[in-house]
Amino acid sequence: MREAYGEVGLLTGRGTLQSGRESRMVSLLAERRRHAAEVTRRKTVESKTYTVEEAVAFYTALGAAVRRHVPDTIKTREEVVRAIQDAMAAIGGRSSLTPDEAGPE
């Protein structure tokens, strides 16, 4: 009986150690997942950031679009604003802006 109780105690001790290892492993995996999510979020933010060259190109093209459309006396104010917005959308790589994206006139 003493030998059996000794083995039970030994197995219980091993089980406790194994449980601690499993908890540590789960904790490390959760930490790894949070780190990977943060890296992904940071890379996403970085990919949406303009470089200086892209910003210069955008504003140069925007200026050209404004100069091209503002002196046009045939178009109404709304048509001129819409033409500039469409040019901005094309510069930005989209086909056109929705009214919500267009902002105040």
Foldseek 3Di string as FASTA:
>chain_A
DVVVVVVVVVVVVVVVVVVVVVVVVVVVVVVVVVVVVVVVVVVVVVVPDDDPVLVVVLVVQLVVLLVVQVVPPVDDPVVSLQSSQCSSCVSVPHRGDDPVVSDDD
